[in-house]
Amino acid sequence: MRKQCGNKSATKAISKSMSISSTNEWGSAVTLPPSEAEISLIVEAGGGKYVGVLLAIPQKMESVILFVSPQTGTTLGIPMSRLNVDAVREQLAESNAAFAKHNPKRQTYRRFNEEACDS
């Protein structure tokens, strides 16, 4: 079984900050989007390596959070509305399993990088 990464108290703090609402000038509640630092912490707590944000195209596509699988080096994305630690873990597990199924003899990204650094 894969060791879960991340700090539970940090994850709770991030989740809480994502649900914090503010009020606009008319007194209506407005939910603020997470900062890039919070997004990065969520991705890392889920086991990924944060890359960046593909910005939304109004009325066509929401913002997508991009991250890399440390195991395979594959770049993955999750819509901002689905971003949480469990969604990152799930996306990584599915991608890593698909990679292993289709490339059983290929070196993993991590092992390749470690060997390259050792030489």
PDB file of N, CA and C in Angstrom:
ATOM      1  N   MET A   1       0.841  -1.192   0.000  1.00  0.00           N
ATOM      2  CA  MET A   1       0.000   0.000   0.000  1.00  0.00           C
ATOM      3  C   MET A   1       0.877   1.244   0.000  1.00  0.00           C
ATOM      4  N   ARG A   2       0.466   2.245  -0.763  1.00  0.00           N
ATOM      5  CA  ARG A   2       1.242   3.463  -0.898  1.00  0.00           C
ATOM      6  C   ARG A   2       1.101   4.317   0.357  1.00  0.00           C
ATOM      7  N   LYS A   3       2.235   4.825   0.809  1.00  0.00           N
ATOM      8  CA  LYS A   3       2.243   5.702   1.975  1.00  0.00           C
ATOM      9  C   LYS A   3       1.573   7.018   1.597  1.00  0.00           C
ATOM     10  N   GLN A   4       0.679   7.486   2.436  1.00  0.00           N
ATOM     11  CA  GLN A   4       0.015   8.745   2.153  1.00  0.00           C
ATOM     12  C   GLN A   4       0.919   9.891   2.561  1.00  0.00           C
ATOM     13  N   CYS A   5       1.006  10.855   1.677  1.00  0.00           N
ATOM     14  CA  CYS A   5       1.855  12.005   1.913  1.00  0.00           C
ATOM     15  C   CYS A   5       1.030  13.150   2.469  1.00  0.00           C
ATOM     16  N   GLY A   6       1.708  14.080   3.063  1.00  0.00           N
ATOM     17  CA  GLY A   6       1.035  15.298   3.475  1.00  0.00           C
ATOM     18  C   GLY A   6       0.779  15.371   4.964  1.00  0.00           C
ATOM     19  N   ASN A   7       0.467  16.557   5.378  1.00  0.00           N
ATOM     20  CA  ASN A   7       0.210  16.873   6.761  1.00  0.00           C
ATOM     21  C   ASN A   7      -1.296  17.034   6.936  1.00  0.00           C
ATOM     22  N   LYS A   8      -1.915  16.205   7.787  1.00  0.00           N
ATOM     23  CA  LYS A   8      -3.371  16.251   7.946  1.00  0.00           C
ATOM     24  C   LYS A   8      -3.850  17.618   8.418  1.00  0.00           C
ATOM     25  N   SER A   9      -3.119  18.243   9.338  1.00  0.00           N
ATOM     26  CA  SER A   9      -3.571  19.547   9.828  1.00  0.00           C
ATOM     27  C   SER A   9      -3.450  20.596   8.734  1.00  0.00           C
ATOM     28  N   ALA A  10      -2.431  20.495   7.885  1.00  0.00           N
ATOM     29  CA  ALA A  10      -2.298  21.432   6.762  1.00  0.00           C
ATOM     30  C   ALA A  10      -3.431  21.230   5.782  1.00  0.00           C
ATOM     31  N   THR A  11      -3.780  19.975   5.526  1.00  0.00           N
ATOM     32  CA  THR A  11      -4.876  19.675   4.607  1.00  0.00           C
ATOM     33  C   THR A  11      -6.180  20.242   5.132  1.00  0.00           C
ATOM     34  N   LYS A  12      -6.441  20.096   6.435  1.00  0.00           N
ATOM     35  CA  LYS A  12      -7.660  20.651   7.028  1.00  0.00           C
ATOM     36  C   LYS A  12      -7.672  22.173   6.933  1.00  0.00           C
ATOM     37  N   ALA A  13      -6.520  22.793   7.172  1.00  0.00           N
ATOM     38  CA  ALA A  13      -6.436  24.252   7.104  1.00  0.00           C
ATOM     39  C   ALA A  13      -6.692  24.738   5.684  1.00  0.00           C
ATOM     40  N   ILE A  14      -6.170  24.014   4.702  1.00  0.00           N
ATOM     41  CA  ILE A  14      -6.381  24.386   3.307  1.00  0.00           C
ATOM     42  C   ILE A  14      -7.852  24.248   2.951  1.00  0.00           C
ATOM     43  N   SER A  15      -8.449  23.124   3.335  1.00  0.00           N
ATOM     44  CA  SER A  15      -9.866  22.904   3.046  1.00  0.00           C
ATOM     45  C   SER A  15     -10.721  24.009   3.668  1.00  0.00           C
ATOM     46  N   LYS A  16     -10.375  24.388   4.899  1.00  0.00           N
ATOM     47  CA  LYS A  16     -11.125  25.446   5.580  1.00  0.00           C
ATOM     48  C   LYS A  16     -10.961  26.769   4.847  1.00  0.00           C
ATOM     49  N   SER A  17      -9.736  27.083   4.412  1.00  0.00           N
ATOM     50  CA  SER A  17      -9.506  28.358   3.734  1.00  0.00           C
ATOM     51  C   SER A  17     -10.212  28.400   2.385  1.00  0.00           C
ATOM     52  N   MET A  18     -10.388  27.222   1.743  1.00  0.00           N
ATOM     53  CA  MET A  18     -11.076  27.184   0.458  1.00  0.00           C
ATOM     54  C   MET A  18     -12.555  27.481   0.606  1.00  0.00           C
ATOM     55  N   SER A  19     -13.100  27.258   1.792  1.00  0.00           N
ATOM     56  CA  SER A  19     -14.532  27.481   1.978  1.00  0.00           C
ATOM     57  C   SER A  19     -14.828  28.817   2.658  1.00  0.00           C
ATOM     58  N   ILE A  20     -13.806  29.619   2.883  1.00  0.00           N
ATOM     59  CA  ILE A  20     -14.001  30.918   3.517  1.00  0.00           C
ATOM     60  C   ILE A  20     -14.689  31.861   2.539  1.00  0.00           C
ATOM     61  N   SER A  21     -15.719  32.492   3.013  1.00  0.00           N
ATOM     62  CA  SER A  21     -16.444  33.452   2.188  1.00  0.00           C
ATOM     63  C   SER A  21     -16.135  34.857   2.669  1.00  0.00           C
ATOM     64  N   SER A  22     -16.256  35.764   1.761  1.00  0.00           N
ATOM     65  CA  SER A  22     -16.101  37.179   2.063  1.00  0.00           C
ATOM     66  C   SER A  22     -17.371  37.852   1.559  1.00  0.00           C
ATOM     67  N   THR A  23     -17.502  39.109   1.824  1.00  0.00           N
ATOM     68  CA  THR A  23     -18.667  39.815   1.290  1.00  0.00           C
ATOM     69  C   THR A  23     -18.194  40.875   0.315  1.00  0.00           C
ATOM     70  N   ASN A  24     -18.981  41.074  -0.729  1.00  0.00           N
ATOM     71  CA  ASN A  24     -18.638  42.104  -1.699  1.00  0.00           C
ATOM     72  C   ASN A  24     -19.232  43.440  -1.253  1.00  0.00           C
ATOM     73  N   GLU A  25     -19.114  44.461  -2.093  1.00  0.00           N
ATOM     74  CA  GLU A  25     -19.575  45.797  -1.719  1.00  0.00           C
ATOM     75  C   GLU A  25     -21.083  45.892  -1.529  1.00  0.00           C
ATOM     76  N   TRP A  26     -21.832  44.892  -2.017  1.00  0.00           N
ATOM     77  CA  TRP A  26     -23.280  44.877  -1.855  1.00  0.00           C
ATOM     78  C   TRP A  26     -23.711  44.007  -0.683  1.00  0.00           C
ATOM     79  N   GLY A  27     -22.733  43.446   0.046  1.00  0.00           N
ATOM     80  CA  GLY A  27     -23.035  42.623   1.200  1.00  0.00           C
ATOM     81  C   GLY A  27     -23.343  41.173   0.872  1.00  0.00           C
ATOM     82  N   SER A  28     -23.180  40.795  -0.397  1.00  0.00           N
ATOM     83  CA  SER A  28     -23.422  39.403  -0.794  1.00  0.00           C
ATOM     84  C   SER A  28     -22.182  38.559  -0.502  1.00  0.00           C
ATOM     85  N   ALA A  29     -22.426  37.311  -0.113  1.00  0.00           N
ATOM     86  CA  ALA A  29     -21.314  36.398   0.167  1.00  0.00           C
ATOM     87  C   ALA A  29     -20.616  36.023  -1.132  1.00  0.00           C
ATOM     88  N   VAL A  30     -19.295  36.029  -1.086  1.00  0.00           N
ATOM     89  CA  VAL A  30     -18.469  35.665  -2.233  1.00  0.00           C
ATOM     90  C   VAL A  30     -17.427  34.665  -1.747  1.00  0.00           C
ATOM     91  N   THR A  31     -17.363  33.504  -2.396  1.00  0.00           N
ATOM     92  CA  THR A  31     -16.343  32.524  -2.040  1.00  0.00           C
ATOM     93  C   THR A  31     -15.081  32.842  -2.825  1.00  0.00           C
ATOM     94  N   LEU A  32     -13.995  33.014  -2.118  1.00  0.00           N
ATOM     95  CA  LEU A  32     -12.732  33.363  -2.757  1.00  0.00           C
ATOM     96  C   LEU A  32     -12.028  32.100  -3.254  1.00  0.00           C
ATOM     97  N   PRO A  33     -11.429  32.165  -4.444  1.00  0.00           N
ATOM     98  CA  PRO A  33     -10.690  30.997  -4.938  1.00  0.00           C
ATOM     99  C   PRO A  33      -9.412  30.795  -4.124  1.00  0.00           C
ATOM    100  N   PRO A  34      -8.904  29.564  -4.096  1.00  0.00           N
ATOM    101  CA  PRO A  34      -7.671  29.323  -3.347  1.00  0.00           C
ATOM    102  C   PRO A  34      -6.488  30.024  -4.013  1.00  0.00           C
ATOM    103  N   SER A  35      -5.517  30.407  -3.208  1.00  0.00           N
ATOM    104  CA  SER A  35      -4.304  31.027  -3.746  1.00  0.00           C
ATOM    105  C   SER A  35      -3.450  29.952  -4.410  1.00  0.00           C
ATOM    106  N   GLU A  36      -2.462  30.379  -5.167  1.00  0.00           N
ATOM    107  CA  GLU A  36      -1.567  29.420  -5.819  1.00  0.00           C
ATOM    108  C   GLU A  36      -0.811  28.592  -4.781  1.00  0.00           C
ATOM    109  N   ALA A  37      -0.445  29.200  -3.664  1.00  0.00           N
ATOM    110  CA  ALA A  37       0.243  28.466  -2.592  1.00  0.00           C
ATOM    111  C   ALA A  37      -0.670  27.377  -2.019  1.00  0.00           C
ATOM    112  N   GLU A  38      -1.953  27.698  -1.820  1.00  0.00           N
ATOM    113  CA  GLU A  38      -2.907  26.702  -1.309  1.00  0.00           C
ATOM    114  C   GLU A  38      -3.110  25.570  -2.317  1.00  0.00           C
ATOM    115  N   ILE A  39      -3.215  25.926  -3.592  1.00  0.00           N
ATOM    116  CA  ILE A  39      -3.373  24.919  -4.641  1.00  0.00           C
ATOM    117  C   ILE A  39      -2.173  23.977  -4.633  1.00  0.00           C
ATOM    118  N   SER A  40      -0.982  24.544  -4.556  1.00  0.00           N
ATOM    119  CA  SER A  40       0.247  23.748  -4.540  1.00  0.00           C
ATOM    120  C   SER A  40       0.269  22.791  -3.347  1.00  0.00           C
ATOM    121  N   LEU A  41      -0.148  23.261  -2.177  1.00  0.00           N
ATOM    122  CA  LEU A  41      -0.188  22.416  -0.981  1.00  0.00           C
ATOM    123  C   LEU A  41      -1.192  21.272  -1.133  1.00  0.00           C
ATOM    124  N   ILE A  42      -2.332  21.547  -1.748  1.00  0.00           N
ATOM    125  CA  ILE A  42      -3.337  20.505  -1.970  1.00  0.00           C
ATOM    126  C   ILE A  42      -2.776  19.427  -2.888  1.00  0.00           C
ATOM    127  N   VAL A  43      -2.160  19.848  -3.986  1.00  0.00           N
ATOM    128  CA  VAL A  43      -1.584  18.892  -4.942  1.00  0.00           C
ATOM    129  C   VAL A  43      -0.488  18.061  -4.272  1.00  0.00           C
ATOM    130  N   GLU A  44       0.393  18.711  -3.533  1.00  0.00           N
ATOM    131  CA  GLU A  44       1.480  17.996  -2.858  1.00  0.00           C
ATOM    132  C   GLU A  44       0.946  17.041  -1.793  1.00  0.00           C
ATOM    133  N   ALA A  45      -0.096  17.452  -1.062  1.00  0.00           N
ATOM    134  CA  ALA A  45      -0.691  16.571  -0.056  1.00  0.00           C
ATOM    135  C   ALA A  45      -1.317  15.344  -0.709  1.00  0.00           C
ATOM    136  N   GLY A  46      -1.742  15.480  -1.965  1.00  0.00           N
ATOM    137  CA  GLY A  46      -2.301  14.354  -2.705  1.00  0.00           C
ATOM    138  C   GLY A  46      -1.249  13.494  -3.384  1.00  0.00           C
ATOM    139  N   GLY A  47       0.018  13.910  -3.304  1.00  0.00           N
ATOM    140  CA  GLY A  47       1.108  13.110  -3.867  1.00  0.00           C
ATOM    141  C   GLY A  47       1.623  13.584  -5.206  1.00  0.00           C
ATOM    142  N   GLY A  48       1.094  14.697  -5.724  1.00  0.00           N
ATOM    143  CA  GLY A  48       1.540  15.208  -7.016  1.00  0.00           C
ATOM    144  C   GLY A  48       2.560  16.320  -6.871  1.00  0.00           C
ATOM    145  N   LYS A  49       3.076  16.754  -8.002  1.00  0.00           N
ATOM    146  CA  LYS A  49       4.027  17.866  -8.037  1.00  0.00           C
ATOM    147  C   LYS A  49       3.364  18.982  -8.845  1.00  0.00           C
ATOM    148  N   TYR A  50       3.024  20.078  -8.178  1.00  0.00           N
ATOM    149  CA  TYR A  50       2.287  21.184  -8.792  1.00  0.00           C
ATOM    150  C   TYR A  50       3.065  21.800  -9.947  1.00  0.00           C
ATOM    151  N   VAL A  51       2.346  22.078 -11.061  1.00  0.00           N
ATOM    152  CA  VAL A  51       2.958  22.706 -12.235  1.00  0.00           C
ATOM    153  C   VAL A  51       2.421  24.115 -12.436  1.00  0.00           C
ATOM    154  N   GLY A  52       1.098  24.267 -12.446  1.00  0.00           N
ATOM    155  CA  GLY A  52       0.521  25.580 -12.681  1.00  0.00           C
ATOM    156  C   GLY A  52      -0.974  25.483 -12.924  1.00  0.00           C
ATOM    157  N   VAL A  53      -1.541  26.589 -13.429  1.00  0.00           N
ATOM    158  CA  VAL A  53      -2.978  26.660 -13.680  1.00  0.00           C
ATOM    159  C   VAL A  53      -3.205  27.043 -15.136  1.00  0.00           C
ATOM    160  N   LEU A  54      -4.029  26.252 -15.820  1.00  0.00           N
ATOM    161  CA  LEU A  54      -4.497  26.600 -17.148  1.00  0.00           C
ATOM    162  C   LEU A  54      -5.747  27.446 -16.918  1.00  0.00           C
ATOM    163  N   LEU A  55      -5.666  28.726 -17.238  1.00  0.00           N
ATOM    164  CA  LEU A  55      -6.737  29.655 -16.896  1.00  0.00           C
ATOM    165  C   LEU A  55      -8.019  29.389 -17.675  1.00  0.00           C
ATOM    166  N   ALA A  56      -9.114  29.732 -17.042  1.00  0.00           N
ATOM    167  CA  ALA A  56     -10.446  29.520 -17.612  1.00  0.00           C
ATOM    168  C   ALA A  56     -10.643  30.335 -18.881  1.00  0.00           C
ATOM    169  N   ILE A  57     -11.483  29.793 -19.747  1.00  0.00           N
ATOM    170  CA  ILE A  57     -11.969  30.527 -20.910  1.00  0.00           C
ATOM    171  C   ILE A  57     -13.440  30.801 -20.589  1.00  0.00           C
ATOM    172  N   PRO A  58     -13.802  32.058 -20.373  1.00  0.00           N
ATOM    173  CA  PRO A  58     -15.166  32.368 -19.950  1.00  0.00           C
ATOM    174  C   PRO A  58     -16.234  31.698 -20.820  1.00  0.00           C
ATOM    175  N   GLN A  59     -17.192  31.072 -20.151  1.00  0.00           N
ATOM    176  CA  GLN A  59     -18.335  30.397 -20.753  1.00  0.00           C
ATOM    177  C   GLN A  59     -17.962  29.198 -21.628  1.00  0.00           C
ATOM    178  N   LYS A  60     -16.704  28.730 -21.554  1.00  0.00           N
ATOM    179  CA  LYS A  60     -16.292  27.569 -22.339  1.00  0.00           C
ATOM    180  C   LYS A  60     -15.606  26.508 -21.483  1.00  0.00           C
ATOM    181  N   MET A  61     -14.707  26.936 -20.588  1.00  0.00           N
ATOM    182  CA  MET A  61     -13.910  25.994 -19.823  1.00  0.00           C
ATOM    183  C   MET A  61     -13.478  26.628 -18.502  1.00  0.00           C
ATOM    184  N   GLU A  62     -13.573  25.857 -17.425  1.00  0.00           N
ATOM    185  CA  GLU A  62     -13.100  26.380 -16.138  1.00  0.00           C
ATOM    186  C   GLU A  62     -11.585  26.195 -16.032  1.00  0.00           C
ATOM    187  N   SER A  63     -10.968  26.828 -15.058  1.00  0.00           N
ATOM    188  CA  SER A  63      -9.532  26.686 -14.846  1.00  0.00           C
ATOM    189  C   SER A  63      -9.203  25.241 -14.507  1.00  0.00           C
ATOM    190  N   VAL A  64      -8.029  24.793 -14.981  1.00  0.00           N
ATOM    191  CA  VAL A  64      -7.572  23.432 -14.738  1.00  0.00           C
ATOM    192  C   VAL A  64      -6.237  23.503 -14.010  1.00  0.00           C
ATOM    193  N   ILE A  65      -6.121  22.745 -12.916  1.00  0.00           N
ATOM    194  CA  ILE A  65      -4.892  22.669 -12.136  1.00  0.00           C
ATOM    195  C   ILE A  65      -4.023  21.585 -12.756  1.00  0.00           C
ATOM    196  N   LEU A  66      -2.787  21.935 -13.108  1.00  0.00           N
ATOM    197  CA  LEU A  66      -1.858  20.989 -13.727  1.00  0.00           C
ATOM    198  C   LEU A  66      -0.839  20.516 -12.706  1.00  0.00           C
ATOM    199  N   PHE A  67      -0.554  19.207 -12.732  1.00  0.00           N
ATOM    200  CA  PHE A  67       0.445  18.634 -11.839  1.00  0.00           C
ATOM    201  C   PHE A  67       1.062  17.410 -12.497  1.00  0.00           C
ATOM    202  N   VAL A  68       2.194  16.967 -11.951  1.00  0.00           N
ATOM    203  CA  VAL A  68       2.950  15.858 -12.515  1.00  0.00           C
ATOM    204  C   VAL A  68       2.942  14.679 -11.550  1.00  0.00           C
ATOM    205  N   SER A  69       2.861  13.487 -12.115  1.00  0.00           N
ATOM    206  CA  SER A  69       3.011  12.272 -11.316  1.00  0.00           C
ATOM    207  C   SER A  69       4.492  12.077 -11.032  1.00  0.00           C
ATOM    208  N   PRO A  70       4.908  12.043  -9.765  1.00  0.00           N
ATOM    209  CA  PRO A  70       6.314  11.801  -9.450  1.00  0.00           C
ATOM    210  C   PRO A  70       6.782  10.419  -9.914  1.00  0.00           C
ATOM    211  N   GLN A  71       5.850   9.493 -10.037  1.00  0.00           N
ATOM    212  CA  GLN A  71       6.212   8.130 -10.434  1.00  0.00           C
ATOM    213  C   GLN A  71       6.479   8.007 -11.930  1.00  0.00           C
ATOM    214  N   THR A  72       5.662   8.651 -12.754  1.00  0.00           N
ATOM    215  CA  THR A  72       5.775   8.469 -14.203  1.00  0.00           C
ATOM    216  C   THR A  72       6.208   9.712 -14.961  1.00  0.00           C
ATOM    217  N   GLY A  73       6.097  10.880 -14.351  1.00  0.00           N
ATOM    218  CA  GLY A  73       6.425  12.118 -15.036  1.00  0.00           C
ATOM    219  C   GLY A  73       5.300  12.619 -15.926  1.00  0.00           C
ATOM    220  N   THR A  74       4.146  11.964 -15.873  1.00  0.00           N
ATOM    221  CA  THR A  74       2.992  12.340 -16.682  1.00  0.00           C
ATOM    222  C   THR A  74       2.346  13.608 -16.128  1.00  0.00           C
ATOM    223  N   THR A  75       2.012  14.543 -17.025  1.00  0.00           N
ATOM    224  CA  THR A  75       1.308  15.746 -16.608  1.00  0.00           C
ATOM    225  C   THR A  75      -0.189  15.462 -16.611  1.00  0.00           C
ATOM    226  N   LEU A  76      -0.831  15.802 -15.513  1.00  0.00           N
ATOM    227  CA  LEU A  76      -2.257  15.556 -15.330  1.00  0.00           C
ATOM    228  C   LEU A  76      -2.961  16.868 -15.005  1.00  0.00           C
ATOM    229  N   GLY A  77      -4.280  16.869 -15.101  1.00  0.00           N
ATOM    230  CA  GLY A  77      -5.039  18.064 -14.784  1.00  0.00           C
ATOM    231  C   GLY A  77      -6.350  17.738 -14.095  1.00  0.00           C
ATOM    232  N   ILE A  78      -6.762  18.629 -13.223  1.00  0.00           N
ATOM    233  CA  ILE A  78      -8.041  18.513 -12.514  1.00  0.00           C
ATOM    234  C   ILE A  78      -8.732  19.873 -12.602  1.00  0.00           C
ATOM    235  N   PRO A  79     -10.023  19.881 -12.962  1.00  0.00           N
ATOM    236  CA  PRO A  79     -10.762  21.160 -12.954  1.00  0.00           C
ATOM    237  C   PRO A  79     -10.745  21.772 -11.544  1.00  0.00           C
ATOM    238  N   MET A  80     -10.656  23.073 -11.485  1.00  0.00           N
ATOM    239  CA  MET A  80     -10.602  23.782 -10.197  1.00  0.00           C
ATOM    240  C   MET A  80     -11.753  23.382  -9.283  1.00  0.00           C
ATOM    241  N   SER A  81     -12.934  23.175  -9.839  1.00  0.00           N
ATOM    242  CA  SER A  81     -14.106  22.846  -9.016  1.00  0.00           C
ATOM    243  C   SER A  81     -13.989  21.474  -8.349  1.00  0.00           C
ATOM    244  N   ARG A  82     -13.130  20.600  -8.853  1.00  0.00           N
ATOM    245  CA  ARG A  82     -12.959  19.262  -8.279  1.00  0.00           C
ATOM    246  C   ARG A  82     -11.682  19.146  -7.442  1.00  0.00           C
ATOM    247  N   LEU A  83     -10.931  20.223  -7.306  1.00  0.00           N
ATOM    248  CA  LEU A  83      -9.636  20.151  -6.632  1.00  0.00           C
ATOM    249  C   LEU A  83      -9.771  19.854  -5.147  1.00  0.00           C
ATOM    250  N   ASN A  84      -9.239  18.721  -4.745  1.00  0.00           N
ATOM    251  CA  ASN A  84      -9.062  18.368  -3.344  1.00  0.00           C
ATOM    252  C   ASN A  84      -8.024  17.258  -3.283  1.00  0.00           C
ATOM    253  N   VAL A  85      -7.536  16.954  -2.106  1.00  0.00           N
ATOM    254  CA  VAL A  85      -6.467  15.972  -1.939  1.00  0.00           C
ATOM    255  C   VAL A  85      -6.874  14.604  -2.483  1.00  0.00           C
ATOM    256  N   ASP A  86      -8.101  14.182  -2.194  1.00  0.00           N
ATOM    257  CA  ASP A  86      -8.557  12.868  -2.664  1.00  0.00           C
ATOM    258  C   ASP A  86      -8.633  12.795  -4.181  1.00  0.00           C
ATOM    259  N   ALA A  87      -9.066  13.872  -4.833  1.00  0.00           N
ATOM    260  CA  ALA A  87      -9.154  13.885  -6.298  1.00  0.00           C
ATOM    261  C   ALA A  87      -7.761  13.784  -6.928  1.00  0.00           C
ATOM    262  N   VAL A  88      -6.773  14.438  -6.318  1.00  0.00           N
ATOM    263  CA  VAL A  88      -5.395  14.346  -6.819  1.00  0.00           C
ATOM    264  C   VAL A  88      -4.894  12.912  -6.670  1.00  0.00           C
ATOM    265  N   ARG A  89      -5.105  12.314  -5.504  1.00  0.00           N
ATOM    266  CA  ARG A  89      -4.683  10.928  -5.285  1.00  0.00           C
ATOM    267  C   ARG A  89      -5.330   9.975  -6.290  1.00  0.00           C
ATOM    268  N   GLU A  90      -6.629  10.159  -6.512  1.00  0.00           N
ATOM    269  CA  GLU A  90      -7.370   9.299  -7.440  1.00  0.00           C
ATOM    270  C   GLU A  90      -6.829   9.440  -8.868  1.00  0.00           C
ATOM    271  N   GLN A  91      -6.616  10.679  -9.293  1.00  0.00           N
ATOM    272  CA  GLN A  91      -6.093  10.926 -10.643  1.00  0.00           C
ATOM    273  C   GLN A  91      -4.708  10.308 -10.801  1.00  0.00           C
ATOM    274  N   LEU A  92      -3.860  10.452  -9.793  1.00  0.00           N
ATOM    275  CA  LEU A  92      -2.520   9.862  -9.847  1.00  0.00           C
ATOM    276  C   LEU A  92      -2.588   8.336  -9.902  1.00  0.00           C
ATOM    277  N   ALA A  93      -3.432   7.740  -9.069  1.00  0.00           N
ATOM    278  CA  ALA A  93      -3.544   6.276  -9.036  1.00  0.00           C
ATOM    279  C   ALA A  93      -4.007   5.738 -10.388  1.00  0.00           C
ATOM    280  N   GLU A  94      -5.018   6.372 -10.982  1.00  0.00           N
ATOM    281  CA  GLU A  94      -5.523   5.928 -12.283  1.00  0.00           C
ATOM    282  C   GLU A  94      -4.455   6.072 -13.365  1.00  0.00           C
ATOM    283  N   SER A  95      -3.764   7.198 -13.372  1.00  0.00           N
ATOM    284  CA  SER A  95      -2.736   7.435 -14.378  1.00  0.00           C
ATOM    285  C   SER A  95      -1.559   6.473 -14.208  1.00  0.00           C
ATOM    286  N   ASN A  96      -1.109   6.298 -12.971  1.00  0.00           N
ATOM    287  CA  ASN A  96       0.029   5.402 -12.720  1.00  0.00           C
ATOM    288  C   ASN A  96      -0.315   3.963 -13.096  1.00  0.00           C
ATOM    289  N   ALA A  97      -1.559   3.543 -12.804  1.00  0.00           N
ATOM    290  CA  ALA A  97      -1.990   2.189 -13.160  1.00  0.00           C
ATOM    291  C   ALA A  97      -2.042   2.017 -14.675  1.00  0.00           C
ATOM    292  N   ALA A  98      -2.567   3.009 -15.383  1.00  0.00           N
ATOM    293  CA  ALA A  98      -2.633   2.938 -16.844  1.00  0.00           C
ATOM    294  C   ALA A  98      -1.230   2.917 -17.442  1.00  0.00           C
ATOM    295  N   PHE A  99      -0.334   3.717 -16.887  1.00  0.00           N
ATOM    296  CA  PHE A  99       1.042   3.766 -17.365  1.00  0.00           C
ATOM    297  C   PHE A  99       1.712   2.409 -17.175  1.00  0.00           C
ATOM    298  N   ALA A 100       1.529   1.813 -16.010  1.00  0.00           N
ATOM    299  CA  ALA A 100       2.146   0.510 -15.720  1.00  0.00           C
ATOM    300  C   ALA A 100       1.562  -0.582 -16.616  1.00  0.00           C
ATOM    301  N   LYS A 101       0.274  -0.510 -16.902  1.00  0.00           N
ATOM    302  CA  LYS A 101      -0.393  -1.516 -17.739  1.00  0.00           C
ATOM    303  C   LYS A 101       0.141  -1.481 -19.171  1.00  0.00           C
ATOM    304  N   HIS A 102       0.349  -0.283 -19.691  1.00  0.00           N
ATOM    305  CA  HIS A 102       0.761  -0.136 -21.087  1.00  0.00           C
ATOM    306  C   HIS A 102       2.273  -0.109 -21.276  1.00  0.00           C
ATOM    307  N   ASN A 103       3.017   0.070 -20.218  1.00  0.00           N
ATOM    308  CA  ASN A 103       4.474   0.134 -20.290  1.00  0.00           C
ATOM    309  C   ASN A 103       5.100  -0.683 -19.166  1.00  0.00           C
ATOM    310  N   PRO A 104       4.807  -1.985 -19.065  1.00  0.00           N
ATOM    311  CA  PRO A 104       5.264  -2.759 -17.906  1.00  0.00           C
ATOM    312  C   PRO A 104       6.782  -2.865 -17.765  1.00  0.00           C
ATOM    313  N   LYS A 105       7.526  -2.808 -18.849  1.00  0.00           N
ATOM    314  CA  LYS A 105       8.980  -2.965 -18.768  1.00  0.00           C
ATOM    315  C   LYS A 105       9.722  -1.641 -18.756  1.00  0.00           C
ATOM    316  N   ARG A 106       8.998  -0.558 -18.973  1.00  0.00           N
ATOM    317  CA  ARG A 106       9.628   0.757 -19.033  1.00  0.00           C
ATOM    318  C   ARG A 106       9.992   1.242 -17.628  1.00  0.00           C
ATOM    319  N   GLN A 107      11.132   1.926 -17.521  1.00  0.00           N
ATOM    320  CA  GLN A 107      11.534   2.480 -16.230  1.00  0.00           C
ATOM    321  C   GLN A 107      10.541   3.542 -15.782  1.00  0.00           C
ATOM    322  N   THR A 108      10.388   3.659 -14.491  1.00  0.00           N
ATOM    323  CA  THR A 108       9.550   4.744 -13.990  1.00  0.00           C
ATOM    324  C   THR A 108      10.338   6.042 -14.066  1.00  0.00           C
ATOM    325  N   TYR A 109       9.633   7.127 -14.073  1.00  0.00           N
ATOM    326  CA  TYR A 109      10.238   8.452 -14.139  1.00  0.00           C
ATOM    327  C   TYR A 109      11.214   8.661 -12.979  1.00  0.00           C
ATOM    328  N   ARG A 110      10.793   8.274 -11.775  1.00  0.00           N
ATOM    329  CA  ARG A 110      11.624   8.468 -10.586  1.00  0.00           C
ATOM    330  C   ARG A 110      12.938   7.695 -10.704  1.00  0.00           C
ATOM    331  N   ARG A 111      12.843   6.412 -11.079  1.00  0.00           N
ATOM    332  CA  ARG A 111      14.038   5.584 -11.177  1.00  0.00           C
ATOM    333  C   ARG A 111      14.961   6.114 -12.264  1.00  0.00           C
ATOM    334  N   PHE A 112      14.398   6.549 -13.395  1.00  0.00           N
ATOM    335  CA  PHE A 112      15.193   7.101 -14.473  1.00  0.00           C
ATOM    336  C   PHE A 112      15.953   8.335 -13.998  1.00  0.00           C
ATOM    337  N   ASN A 113      15.270   9.232 -13.290  1.00  0.00           N
ATOM    338  CA  ASN A 113      15.906  10.441 -12.784  1.00  0.00           C
ATOM    339  C   ASN A 113      16.992  10.128 -11.760  1.00  0.00           C
ATOM    340  N   GLU A 114      16.730   9.150 -10.867  1.00  0.00           N
ATOM    341  CA  GLU A 114      17.728   8.781  -9.863  1.00  0.00           C
ATOM    342  C   GLU A 114      18.979   8.223 -10.529  1.00  0.00           C
ATOM    343  N   GLU A 115      18.802   7.377 -11.550  1.00  0.00           N
ATOM    344  CA  GLU A 115      19.942   6.802 -12.252  1.00  0.00           C
ATOM    345  C   GLU A 115      20.720   7.888 -13.000  1.00  0.00           C
ATOM    346  N   ALA A 116      20.009   8.842 -13.589  1.00  0.00           N
ATOM    347  CA  ALA A 116      20.661   9.918 -14.321  1.00  0.00           C
ATOM    348  C   ALA A 116      21.482  10.797 -13.375  1.00  0.00           C
ATOM    349  N   CYS A 117      20.974  11.017 -12.173  1.00  0.00           N
ATOM    350  CA  CYS A 117      21.686  11.838 -11.186  1.00  0.00           C
ATOM    351  C   CYS A 117      22.893  11.132 -10.593  1.00  0.00           C
ATOM    352  N   ASP A 118      22.823   9.795 -10.542  1.00  0.00           N
ATOM    353  CA  ASP A 118      23.926   9.023  -9.963  1.00  0.00           C
ATOM    354  C   ASP A 118      25.131   8.941 -10.892  1.00  0.00           C
ATOM    355  N   SER A 119      24.903   9.088 -12.192  1.00  0.00           N
ATOM    356  CA  SER A 119      26.023   8.926 -13.123  1.00  0.00           C
ATOM    357  C   SER A 119      26.774  10.211 -13.374  1.00  0.00           C
TER     358      SER A 119
END
